[in-house]
Amino acid sequence: PPPGGAGGGAAGGPPGGSRAPLPRLEALAAPAANQSPAEALADVRTQHEIGELFRRLDDQVSRATLDLQFQVSERERETERTIAILTAATGVMALLAALGVIWTLRPLRRLATSVRQLGEGDWAQRAAAPGALGGDEVGRLALEFNHMAEALQERERRLIRGERLAAVGQLAAQVTHEIRNPLSSVALNVEL
């Protein structure tokens, strides 16, 4: 067999020149499989087709792998965005809850301060009751506190007035006694 295919080349050769490598391929393929050269050649063509299909499949797998990597990275970004949004939403909710607690407890702190001042003797102390008409429990409690403070202030006024009247009565009794003592001795002397 000719060593490398004389008489025709791959580029620009006659169409029959592609047959020159055929005896070499037959020589290479026939002893390897104990087949006829036609069967070996058919196998070579099949193997070439299989190789081509493997290359195509490899390309498809590579593209599918890249596509899946892209999809995974997209899902990771979406997950990170979702986590960031949920974290921000949780932070906002926590802030709103803290503000709600502060807003709710502020009237109670004011009421506690008013009770403390009333306990220290500031009878004119009143608590603000902005939500009393709307049915707010803290507002109604402040309203009741104000009624109690008014009743205590009125009781204190009556007590002070009663003490003053008692003091005036005692003073009047003492003055009457002091005036009667000298008059009694003058009346006794006049009678004698």
Protein backbone atom coordinates (compact mmCIF):
# COMPACT_ATOMS: atom_id res chain seq x y z
CA PRO A 1 0.00 0.00 0.00
CA PRO A 2 1.21 3.50 -0.68
CA PRO A 3 2.51 5.29 2.33
CA GLY A 4 0.47 8.45 2.74
CA GLY A 5 -1.87 8.64 -0.14
CA ALA A 6 -0.11 9.60 -3.37
CA GLY A 7 -1.96 11.03 -6.29
CA GLY A 8 -4.58 13.09 -4.41
CA GLY A 9 -4.76 15.41 -1.50
CA ALA A 10 -7.33 16.78 0.74
CA ALA A 11 -7.40 20.21 -0.77
CA GLY A 12 -7.82 20.71 -4.48
CA GLY A 13 -7.37 17.03 -5.45
CA PRO A 14 -9.62 15.11 -7.77
CA PRO A 15 -12.77 13.56 -6.30
CA GLY A 16 -11.34 10.13 -6.67
CA GLY A 17 -8.33 11.13 -4.59
CA SER A 18 -10.19 10.50 -1.42
CA ARG A 19 -9.96 6.79 -2.21
CA ALA A 20 -6.18 6.72 -1.81
CA PRO A 21 -6.29 6.48 2.01
CA LEU A 22 -8.87 3.74 1.71
CA PRO A 23 -6.41 0.82 1.37
CA ARG A 24 -4.48 2.18 4.38
CA LEU A 25 -7.66 2.42 6.44
CA GLU A 26 -8.58 -1.11 5.35
CA ALA A 27 -5.16 -2.33 6.44
CA LEU A 28 -5.51 -0.62 9.81
CA ALA A 29 -9.07 -1.66 10.45
CA ALA A 30 -9.18 -5.28 9.15
CA PRO A 31 -6.62 -6.99 11.37
CA ALA A 32 -8.00 -5.33 14.48
CA ALA A 33 -11.49 -6.85 14.41
CA ASN A 34 -11.30 -9.96 12.15
CA GLN A 35 -13.92 -8.42 9.95
CA SER A 36 -14.13 -7.74 6.30
CA PRO A 37 -12.77 -4.36 5.26
CA ALA A 38 -16.28 -3.17 4.37
CA GLU A 39 -17.53 -4.04 7.83
CA ALA A 40 -14.51 -2.43 9.47
CA LEU A 41 -14.99 0.66 7.34
CA ALA A 42 -18.65 0.74 8.24
CA ASP A 43 -17.62 0.50 11.85
CA VAL A 44 -15.18 3.35 11.34
CA ARG A 45 -17.90 5.46 9.79
CA THR A 46 -20.23 4.49 12.62
CA GLN A 47 -17.52 5.27 15.11
CA HIS A 48 -16.97 8.61 13.44
CA GLU A 49 -20.71 9.30 13.62
CA ILE A 50 -20.72 8.16 17.23
CA GLY A 51 -17.73 10.42 17.90
CA GLU A 52 -19.54 13.31 16.22
CA LEU A 53 -22.65 12.57 18.26
CA PHE A 54 -20.51 12.47 21.40
CA ARG A 55 -19.05 15.86 20.51
CA ARG A 56 -22.54 17.25 19.95
CA LEU A 57 -23.74 15.69 23.19
CA ASP A 58 -20.71 17.10 24.98
CA ASP A 59 -21.55 20.54 23.54
CA GLN A 60 -25.15 20.18 24.65
CA VAL A 61 -24.10 19.05 28.13
CA SER A 62 -21.67 21.98 28.35
CA ARG A 63 -24.39 24.42 27.28
CA ALA A 64 -26.91 22.82 29.67
CA THR A 65 -24.35 22.98 32.49
CA LEU A 66 -23.67 26.64 31.78
CA ASP A 67 -27.41 27.29 31.57
CA LEU A 68 -27.98 25.51 34.88
CA GLN A 69 -25.11 27.43 36.49
CA PHE A 70 -26.68 30.64 35.24
CA GLN A 71 -30.07 29.59 36.60
CA VAL A 72 -28.54 28.63 39.95
CA SER A 73 -26.76 31.97 40.19
CA GLU A 74 -30.03 33.74 39.29
CA ARG A 75 -31.87 31.78 41.99
CA GLU A 76 -29.11 32.60 44.48
CA ARG A 77 -29.48 36.30 43.65
CA GLU A 78 -33.26 36.04 43.97
CA THR A 79 -32.86 34.25 47.29
CA GLU A 80 -30.43 36.90 48.52
CA ARG A 81 -32.86 39.64 47.44
CA THR A 82 -35.72 37.85 49.17
CA ILE A 83 -33.67 37.44 52.34
CA ALA A 84 -32.68 41.11 52.23
CA ILE A 85 -36.30 42.18 51.71
CA LEU A 86 -37.53 39.91 54.52
CA THR A 87 -34.77 41.17 56.82
CA ALA A 88 -35.68 44.78 56.04
CA ALA A 89 -39.38 44.02 56.52
CA THR A 90 -38.64 42.32 59.83
CA GLY A 91 -36.58 45.32 60.93
CA VAL A 92 -39.37 47.71 59.98
CA MET A 93 -41.92 45.54 61.80
CA ALA A 94 -39.69 45.45 64.90
CA LEU A 95 -39.31 49.23 64.76
CA LEU A 96 -43.07 49.68 64.39
CA ALA A 97 -43.68 47.29 67.29
CA ALA A 98 -41.22 49.21 69.48
CA LEU A 99 -42.85 52.52 68.56
CA GLY A 100 -46.27 50.98 69.26
CA VAL A 101 -45.16 49.84 72.70
CA ILE A 102 -43.68 53.25 73.46
CA TRP A 103 -46.82 55.00 72.19
CA THR A 104 -49.03 52.65 74.22
CA LEU A 105 -47.04 52.91 77.44
CA ARG A 106 -46.59 56.69 77.38
CA PRO A 107 -50.11 57.39 78.79
CA LEU A 108 -49.53 54.79 81.49
CA ARG A 109 -46.27 56.48 82.49
CA ARG A 110 -48.05 59.86 82.63
CA LEU A 111 -50.83 58.32 84.73
CA ALA A 112 -48.26 56.76 87.09
CA THR A 113 -46.55 60.14 87.47
CA SER A 114 -49.89 61.79 88.25
CA VAL A 115 -50.70 59.13 90.86
CA ARG A 116 -47.29 59.62 92.47
CA GLN A 117 -47.78 63.41 92.64
CA LEU A 118 -51.29 62.97 94.05
CA GLY A 119 -49.86 60.63 96.67
CA GLU A 120 -47.32 63.32 97.61
CA GLY A 121 -50.15 65.74 98.35
CA ASP A 122 -50.57 67.65 95.08
CA TRP A 123 -54.39 67.59 95.16
CA ALA A 124 -54.72 69.67 92.01
CA GLN A 125 -52.97 66.99 89.97
CA ARG A 126 -54.99 65.68 87.02
CA ALA A 127 -54.15 63.13 84.33
CA ALA A 128 -54.72 63.80 80.65
CA ALA A 129 -57.49 61.53 79.32
CA PRO A 130 -57.51 62.01 75.54
CA GLY A 131 -58.92 58.56 74.68
CA ALA A 132 -61.60 58.41 77.38
CA LEU A 133 -64.46 59.26 75.05
CA GLY A 134 -63.31 56.83 72.37
CA GLY A 135 -63.41 53.82 74.70
CA ASP A 136 -59.67 53.66 75.39
CA GLU A 137 -59.06 51.74 78.64
CA VAL A 138 -56.13 53.91 79.68
CA GLY A 139 -58.18 57.03 78.93
CA ARG A 140 -61.08 55.74 81.02
CA LEU A 141 -58.65 54.90 83.82
CA ALA A 142 -57.27 58.45 83.65
CA LEU A 143 -60.83 59.81 83.74
CA GLU A 144 -61.60 57.75 86.85
CA PHE A 145 -58.31 58.92 88.38
CA ASN A 146 -59.37 62.51 87.78
CA HIS A 147 -62.76 61.86 89.44
CA MET A 148 -60.98 60.31 92.42
CA ALA A 149 -58.55 63.27 92.59
CA GLU A 150 -61.50 65.71 92.53
CA ALA A 151 -63.24 63.78 95.31
CA LEU A 152 -60.06 63.73 97.38
CA GLN A 153 -59.52 67.45 96.79
CA GLU A 154 -63.12 68.19 97.83
CA ARG A 155 -62.74 66.00 100.94
CA GLU A 156 -59.52 67.85 101.77
CA ARG A 157 -61.29 71.21 101.38
CA ARG A 158 -64.12 70.06 103.68
CA LEU A 159 -61.64 68.71 106.20
CA ILE A 160 -59.69 71.98 106.20
CA ARG A 161 -62.92 73.99 106.47
CA GLY A 162 -64.12 71.77 109.32
CA GLU A 163 -60.79 72.21 111.10
CA ARG A 164 -60.99 75.98 110.65
CA LEU A 165 -64.57 76.06 111.99
CA ALA A 166 -63.51 73.92 114.94
CA ALA A 167 -60.60 76.27 115.60
CA VAL A 168 -62.91 79.28 115.38
CA GLY A 169 -65.34 77.54 117.77
CA GLN A 170 -62.57 76.84 120.26
CA LEU A 171 -61.37 80.44 119.98
CA ALA A 172 -64.89 81.71 120.50
CA ALA A 173 -65.29 79.43 123.54
CA GLN A 174 -62.03 80.68 125.03
CA VAL A 175 -62.92 84.32 124.36
CA THR A 176 -66.34 83.77 125.90
CA HIS A 177 -64.72 82.13 128.90
CA GLU A 178 -62.24 84.96 129.30
CA ILE A 179 -64.98 87.55 129.07
CA ARG A 180 -67.26 85.71 131.51
CA ASN A 181 -64.67 85.24 134.21
CA PRO A 182 -64.18 88.96 134.97
CA LEU A 183 -67.89 89.66 134.48
CA SER A 184 -68.81 86.91 136.97
CA SER A 185 -66.70 88.42 139.69
CA VAL A 186 -68.15 91.91 138.96
CA ALA A 187 -71.70 90.49 139.10
CA LEU A 188 -70.95 88.78 142.42
CA ASN A 189 -69.56 91.94 143.84
CA VAL A 190 -72.56 93.92 142.73
CA GLU A 191 -74.88 91.43 144.39
CA LEU A 192 -73.14 91.63 147.66
